[in-house]
Amino acid sequence: MSKEKESSAWLAPGDCSFDYILNPPSLMYIPRLSVVFGECCRVLAEGGAFLMMAPNPINYVCDYVDDENGGYYKAVHRMPFYSKEHDDSDWIEYGHSMEEYLGGLIACGFVINGYVECQMEDITELHFMTRAIKSR
């Protein structure tokens, strides 16, 4: 095996190689979730679990508006949404719809058998976590 193939072999695990995949909040930096979900489905063994945590789309729908009463949140964006304005980096953040998240998992052959939401300190920071099982 060539040195190049040998060093990149760990990047491409074989089909059905894993029983579990844990995906912390990171999908907001991926434009097409189907690519990630398809690869997760490929490397998971049948019956394997994919645990995913992601920001709820409401995080991207609202902006804070200052006013004389202290301010409020207002729905100003449509979904799906993307922006470079969330911080000073060059990263683009993608606000995916629940259809992209949950429908994308189902379309790739997952059965969703767990869902929970987590409210962070900031009222607009709502995350969710799913547990999806590879069914085919």
Foldseek 3Di string as FASTA:
>chain_A
DDPVCVVCVVVQDQFQQDQEAEAEADCQQPPAVLVVLLSVLRNHHAFGKYKYKYWALLLVQWDWDQDPVGTDIDGDDDPQDWDPPPDDDNGITTRHHVCSVPVSNVVSQWDWDDKDKDQDPPNSGIMMMIMIGRHD
